[in-house]
Amino acid sequence: MNLNIHDVGDFAVVALHGDVDLQNSPRVRKGLLQCLSQGRNVLVDMGGVTYIDSSGVASLVEAFQTARKAGIRFALVGVSAAAMRVLQLTRLDRVFAIHPSLDEAMAAGG
């Protein structure tokens, strides 16, 4: 799994590629929480996610809750079909702000 963090406007974009599973989710969690601890708005680009398990979902939920408590914007972007199926099964597609593209997420304010 690859994790790349870069700035786009007022957002830290955390791009994930590959499997977000038990082996890789600690890196995802650390990257997300590090961005949030710096007070940065976060967009998680999930277009390259081929698989996500419960540990990956837990990392996203923890980051979402941390952002909400701190009043920081947090959203998912370009969610792959594989990841969207998991989010729909867990009904988290109704919890997270999900946008089809970075441009649309930034226009919506996250």
N, C-alpha and C. Protein backbone atom coordinates (compact mmCIF):
# COMPACT_ATOMS: atom_id res chain seq x y z
N MET A 1 0.84 -1.18 0.00
CA MET A 1 0.00 0.00 0.00
C MET A 1 0.88 1.24 0.00
N ASN A 2 0.48 2.22 -0.78
CA ASN A 2 1.17 3.51 -0.80
C ASN A 2 0.28 4.56 -0.16
N LEU A 3 0.91 5.46 0.60
CA LEU A 3 0.22 6.58 1.22
C LEU A 3 1.02 7.82 0.87
N ASN A 4 0.36 8.80 0.28
CA ASN A 4 1.02 10.03 -0.12
C ASN A 4 0.23 11.20 0.43
N ILE A 5 0.91 12.11 1.11
CA ILE A 5 0.24 13.29 1.66
C ILE A 5 0.78 14.52 0.94
N HIS A 6 -0.13 15.32 0.39
CA HIS A 6 0.28 16.56 -0.26
C HIS A 6 -0.79 17.62 -0.02
N ASP A 7 -0.40 18.87 -0.15
CA ASP A 7 -1.30 19.99 0.09
C ASP A 7 -1.97 20.43 -1.20
N VAL A 8 -3.26 20.68 -1.11
CA VAL A 8 -4.02 21.27 -2.20
C VAL A 8 -4.91 22.33 -1.56
N GLY A 9 -4.57 23.59 -1.80
CA GLY A 9 -5.32 24.67 -1.17
C GLY A 9 -5.21 24.58 0.34
N ASP A 10 -6.35 24.62 1.01
CA ASP A 10 -6.39 24.56 2.48
C ASP A 10 -6.46 23.13 3.02
N PHE A 11 -6.26 22.15 2.15
CA PHE A 11 -6.44 20.76 2.54
C PHE A 11 -5.15 19.97 2.47
N ALA A 12 -5.02 19.02 3.39
CA ALA A 12 -4.01 17.97 3.27
C ALA A 12 -4.74 16.83 2.58
N VAL A 13 -4.23 16.43 1.42
CA VAL A 13 -4.83 15.32 0.69
C VAL A 13 -4.02 14.07 1.00
N VAL A 14 -4.69 13.09 1.59
CA VAL A 14 -4.06 11.82 1.92
C VAL A 14 -4.52 10.82 0.88
N ALA A 15 -3.63 10.50 -0.07
CA ALA A 15 -3.97 9.59 -1.16
C ALA A 15 -3.55 8.17 -0.79
N LEU A 16 -4.50 7.27 -0.87
CA LEU A 16 -4.26 5.86 -0.53
C LEU A 16 -4.33 5.02 -1.80
N HIS A 17 -3.38 4.10 -1.95
CA HIS A 17 -3.35 3.20 -3.10
C HIS A 17 -3.04 1.79 -2.62
N GLY A 18 -3.88 0.84 -3.02
CA GLY A 18 -3.65 -0.55 -2.63
C GLY A 18 -4.60 -1.00 -1.55
N ASP A 19 -4.15 -2.01 -0.78
CA ASP A 19 -4.97 -2.60 0.26
C ASP A 19 -4.81 -1.86 1.59
N VAL A 20 -5.93 -1.45 2.17
CA VAL A 20 -5.93 -0.84 3.50
C VAL A 20 -6.44 -1.92 4.44
N ASP A 21 -5.48 -2.72 4.94
CA ASP A 21 -5.82 -3.88 5.75
C ASP A 21 -5.09 -3.82 7.09
N LEU A 22 -5.18 -4.90 7.83
CA LEU A 22 -4.58 -4.96 9.16
C LEU A 22 -3.10 -4.61 9.14
N GLN A 23 -2.40 -5.02 8.11
CA GLN A 23 -0.97 -4.73 8.00
C GLN A 23 -0.71 -3.25 7.73
N ASN A 24 -1.55 -2.61 6.93
CA ASN A 24 -1.30 -1.24 6.48
C ASN A 24 -2.09 -0.17 7.22
N SER A 25 -3.15 -0.53 7.89
CA SER A 25 -4.00 0.48 8.52
C SER A 25 -3.28 1.30 9.60
N PRO A 26 -2.28 0.77 10.32
CA PRO A 26 -1.58 1.65 11.27
C PRO A 26 -0.90 2.84 10.59
N ARG A 27 -0.37 2.64 9.38
CA ARG A 27 0.24 3.75 8.64
C ARG A 27 -0.82 4.78 8.24
N VAL A 28 -1.97 4.29 7.82
CA VAL A 28 -3.08 5.18 7.44
C VAL A 28 -3.52 5.99 8.66
N ARG A 29 -3.74 5.31 9.78
CA ARG A 29 -4.15 5.96 11.02
C ARG A 29 -3.15 7.04 11.41
N LYS A 30 -1.87 6.69 11.41
CA LYS A 30 -0.82 7.63 11.81
C LYS A 30 -0.81 8.85 10.88
N GLY A 31 -0.90 8.64 9.58
CA GLY A 31 -0.89 9.75 8.64
C GLY A 31 -2.08 10.68 8.81
N LEU A 32 -3.27 10.09 8.97
CA LEU A 32 -4.47 10.90 9.15
C LEU A 32 -4.42 11.70 10.45
N LEU A 33 -4.08 11.03 11.55
CA LEU A 33 -4.05 11.71 12.85
C LEU A 33 -2.96 12.76 12.91
N GLN A 34 -1.85 12.53 12.22
CA GLN A 34 -0.78 13.52 12.18
C GLN A 34 -1.26 14.80 11.49
N CYS A 35 -1.94 14.66 10.37
CA CYS A 35 -2.49 15.83 9.68
C CYS A 35 -3.49 16.57 10.56
N LEU A 36 -4.36 15.81 11.21
CA LEU A 36 -5.38 16.42 12.07
C LEU A 36 -4.76 17.10 13.29
N SER A 37 -3.70 16.52 13.84
CA SER A 37 -3.05 17.12 15.02
C SER A 37 -2.42 18.46 14.68
N GLN A 38 -2.15 18.67 13.41
CA GLN A 38 -1.60 19.96 12.94
C GLN A 38 -2.71 20.94 12.58
N GLY A 39 -3.96 20.53 12.79
CA GLY A 39 -5.09 21.41 12.52
C GLY A 39 -5.43 21.52 11.05
N ARG A 40 -4.97 20.57 10.26
CA ARG A 40 -5.18 20.63 8.82
C ARG A 40 -6.50 19.96 8.43
N ASN A 41 -7.22 20.59 7.51
CA ASN A 41 -8.40 19.97 6.92
C ASN A 41 -7.92 18.79 6.07
N VAL A 42 -8.65 17.69 6.08
CA VAL A 42 -8.18 16.47 5.43
C VAL A 42 -9.18 15.95 4.40
N LEU A 43 -8.66 15.65 3.22
CA LEU A 43 -9.41 14.92 2.19
C LEU A 43 -8.68 13.60 1.97
N VAL A 44 -9.40 12.50 2.07
CA VAL A 44 -8.80 11.18 1.88
C VAL A 44 -9.17 10.71 0.47
N ASP A 45 -8.18 10.68 -0.41
CA ASP A 45 -8.38 10.24 -1.79
C ASP A 45 -8.32 8.72 -1.81
N MET A 46 -9.47 8.10 -2.03
CA MET A 46 -9.56 6.64 -1.96
C MET A 46 -9.77 6.00 -3.33
N GLY A 47 -9.45 6.74 -4.38
CA GLY A 47 -9.63 6.22 -5.73
C GLY A 47 -8.76 5.02 -6.03
N GLY A 48 -7.62 4.90 -5.36
CA GLY A 48 -6.70 3.80 -5.61
C GLY A 48 -6.81 2.65 -4.63
N VAL A 49 -7.82 2.68 -3.76
CA VAL A 49 -7.97 1.62 -2.76
C VAL A 49 -8.58 0.39 -3.43
N THR A 50 -7.86 -0.72 -3.38
CA THR A 50 -8.34 -1.97 -3.99
C THR A 50 -9.08 -2.85 -2.99
N TYR A 51 -8.82 -2.63 -1.70
CA TYR A 51 -9.44 -3.45 -0.65
C TYR A 51 -9.33 -2.68 0.66
N ILE A 52 -10.38 -2.75 1.47
CA ILE A 52 -10.32 -2.15 2.81
C ILE A 52 -11.05 -3.10 3.76
N ASP A 53 -10.41 -3.38 4.91
CA ASP A 53 -11.03 -4.26 5.89
C ASP A 53 -11.47 -3.44 7.10
N SER A 54 -11.91 -4.13 8.15
CA SER A 54 -12.45 -3.44 9.32
C SER A 54 -11.41 -2.56 10.01
N SER A 55 -10.14 -2.95 9.97
CA SER A 55 -9.11 -2.11 10.60
C SER A 55 -8.92 -0.81 9.81
N GLY A 56 -9.03 -0.89 8.49
CA GLY A 56 -8.94 0.32 7.68
C GLY A 56 -10.13 1.23 7.92
N VAL A 57 -11.30 0.64 8.00
CA VAL A 57 -12.51 1.41 8.29
C VAL A 57 -12.39 2.06 9.66
N ALA A 58 -11.87 1.33 10.64
CA ALA A 58 -11.70 1.88 11.99
C ALA A 58 -10.76 3.08 11.98
N SER A 59 -9.72 3.05 11.17
CA SER A 59 -8.80 4.18 11.06
C SER A 59 -9.52 5.41 10.52
N LEU A 60 -10.37 5.20 9.50
CA LEU A 60 -11.14 6.32 8.94
C LEU A 60 -12.13 6.88 9.96
N VAL A 61 -12.80 6.00 10.69
CA VAL A 61 -13.78 6.43 11.69
C VAL A 61 -13.09 7.22 12.81
N GLU A 62 -11.94 6.73 13.28
CA GLU A 62 -11.21 7.45 14.33
C GLU A 62 -10.80 8.84 13.85
N ALA A 63 -10.31 8.93 12.63
CA ALA A 63 -9.91 10.23 12.08
C ALA A 63 -11.12 11.15 11.94
N PHE A 64 -12.24 10.61 11.47
CA PHE A 64 -13.46 11.38 11.33
C PHE A 64 -13.91 11.94 12.67
N GLN A 65 -13.91 11.10 13.71
CA GLN A 65 -14.33 11.55 15.04
C GLN A 65 -13.37 12.60 15.60
N THR A 66 -12.08 12.40 15.38
CA THR A 66 -11.07 13.37 15.84
C THR A 66 -11.29 14.72 15.16
N ALA A 67 -11.52 14.68 13.85
CA ALA A 67 -11.75 15.91 13.09
C ALA A 67 -13.01 16.62 13.58
N ARG A 68 -14.07 15.86 13.78
CA ARG A 68 -15.34 16.47 14.20
C ARG A 68 -15.19 17.15 15.56
N LYS A 69 -14.51 16.49 16.49
CA LYS A 69 -14.32 17.09 17.83
C LYS A 69 -13.50 18.37 17.76
N ALA A 70 -12.57 18.43 16.81
CA ALA A 70 -11.68 19.59 16.68
C ALA A 70 -12.23 20.65 15.73
N GLY A 71 -13.37 20.38 15.11
CA GLY A 71 -13.95 21.34 14.16
C GLY A 71 -13.15 21.44 12.87
N ILE A 72 -12.53 20.33 12.48
CA ILE A 72 -11.72 20.28 11.27
C ILE A 72 -12.51 19.55 10.19
N ARG A 73 -12.39 20.03 8.96
CA ARG A 73 -13.10 19.38 7.85
C ARG A 73 -12.40 18.07 7.47
N PHE A 74 -13.22 17.05 7.20
CA PHE A 74 -12.73 15.72 6.87
C PHE A 74 -13.70 15.10 5.88
N ALA A 75 -13.18 14.64 4.75
CA ALA A 75 -14.05 14.03 3.75
C ALA A 75 -13.29 12.97 2.96
N LEU A 76 -14.06 12.09 2.34
CA LEU A 76 -13.51 11.07 1.46
C LEU A 76 -13.75 11.51 0.02
N VAL A 77 -12.80 11.18 -0.85
CA VAL A 77 -12.86 11.64 -2.24
C VAL A 77 -12.60 10.47 -3.19
N GLY A 78 -13.37 10.43 -4.29
CA GLY A 78 -13.12 9.47 -5.35
C GLY A 78 -13.06 8.04 -4.86
N VAL A 79 -13.96 7.67 -3.99
CA VAL A 79 -13.92 6.34 -3.36
C VAL A 79 -14.10 5.25 -4.42
N SER A 80 -13.16 4.31 -4.44
CA SER A 80 -13.22 3.20 -5.39
C SER A 80 -14.46 2.34 -5.13
N ALA A 81 -14.85 1.58 -6.14
CA ALA A 81 -16.03 0.72 -6.01
C ALA A 81 -15.84 -0.29 -4.88
N ALA A 82 -14.64 -0.85 -4.76
CA ALA A 82 -14.38 -1.84 -3.71
C ALA A 82 -14.54 -1.23 -2.32
N ALA A 83 -14.00 -0.04 -2.12
CA ALA A 83 -14.12 0.63 -0.82
C ALA A 83 -15.55 1.09 -0.57
N MET A 84 -16.24 1.56 -1.62
CA MET A 84 -17.61 2.03 -1.45
C MET A 84 -18.53 0.90 -1.02
N ARG A 85 -18.31 -0.31 -1.53
CA ARG A 85 -19.13 -1.45 -1.11
C ARG A 85 -19.03 -1.67 0.40
N VAL A 86 -17.81 -1.57 0.94
CA VAL A 86 -17.62 -1.75 2.37
C VAL A 86 -18.29 -0.62 3.14
N LEU A 87 -18.13 0.61 2.67
CA LEU A 87 -18.75 1.75 3.35
C LEU A 87 -20.28 1.62 3.32
N GLN A 88 -20.83 1.14 2.22
CA GLN A 88 -22.28 0.96 2.14
C GLN A 88 -22.76 -0.16 3.05
N LEU A 89 -22.01 -1.26 3.10
CA LEU A 89 -22.39 -2.37 3.98
C LEU A 89 -22.42 -1.96 5.45
N THR A 90 -21.49 -1.09 5.81
CA THR A 90 -21.41 -0.62 7.20
C THR A 90 -22.24 0.65 7.43
N ARG A 91 -22.88 1.11 6.36
CA ARG A 91 -23.70 2.33 6.37
C ARG A 91 -22.90 3.60 6.67
N LEU A 92 -21.60 3.48 6.55
CA LEU A 92 -20.76 4.66 6.78
C LEU A 92 -20.79 5.63 5.61
N ASP A 93 -21.35 5.19 4.48
CA ASP A 93 -21.54 6.11 3.36
C ASP A 93 -22.53 7.21 3.73
N ARG A 94 -23.29 6.99 4.80
CA ARG A 94 -24.24 8.00 5.29
C ARG A 94 -23.63 8.89 6.37
N VAL A 95 -22.45 8.51 6.84
CA VAL A 95 -21.78 9.25 7.92
C VAL A 95 -20.71 10.19 7.35
N PHE A 96 -19.87 9.64 6.50
CA PHE A 96 -18.78 10.43 5.91
C PHE A 96 -19.31 11.36 4.82
N ALA A 97 -18.68 12.53 4.71
CA ALA A 97 -18.88 13.36 3.53
C ALA A 97 -18.06 12.69 2.43
N ILE A 98 -18.72 12.35 1.31
CA ILE A 98 -18.06 11.66 0.21
C ILE A 98 -18.29 12.47 -1.05
N HIS A 99 -17.19 12.78 -1.75
CA HIS A 99 -17.24 13.57 -2.97
C HIS A 99 -16.60 12.81 -4.12
N PRO A 100 -17.11 12.99 -5.34
CA PRO A 100 -16.55 12.26 -6.47
C PRO A 100 -15.15 12.73 -6.90
N SER A 101 -14.79 13.99 -6.61
CA SER A 101 -13.49 14.50 -7.03
C SER A 101 -12.94 15.50 -6.01
N LEU A 102 -11.64 15.75 -6.11
CA LEU A 102 -11.01 16.75 -5.23
C LEU A 102 -11.62 18.13 -5.47
N ASP A 103 -11.82 18.49 -6.73
CA ASP A 103 -12.41 19.80 -7.04
C ASP A 103 -13.76 19.98 -6.38
N GLU A 104 -14.61 18.95 -6.45
CA GLU A 104 -15.94 19.05 -5.85
C GLU A 104 -15.87 19.09 -4.33
N ALA A 105 -14.93 18.35 -3.75
CA ALA A 105 -14.77 18.37 -2.30
C ALA A 105 -14.31 19.74 -1.83
N MET A 106 -13.37 20.32 -2.56
CA MET A 106 -12.85 21.65 -2.17
C MET A 106 -13.93 22.72 -2.35
N ALA A 107 -14.73 22.61 -3.41
CA ALA A 107 -15.81 23.57 -3.65
C ALA A 107 -16.87 23.46 -2.56
N ALA A 108 -17.07 22.24 -2.04
CA ALA A 108 -18.06 22.02 -0.98
C ALA A 108 -17.49 22.36 0.40
N GLY A 109 -16.22 22.67 0.46
CA GLY A 109 -15.60 22.98 1.74
C GLY A 109 -15.21 21.73 2.51
N GLY A 110 -15.10 20.62 1.85
CA GLY A 110 -14.70 19.37 2.51
C GLY A 110 -15.83 18.53 2.73
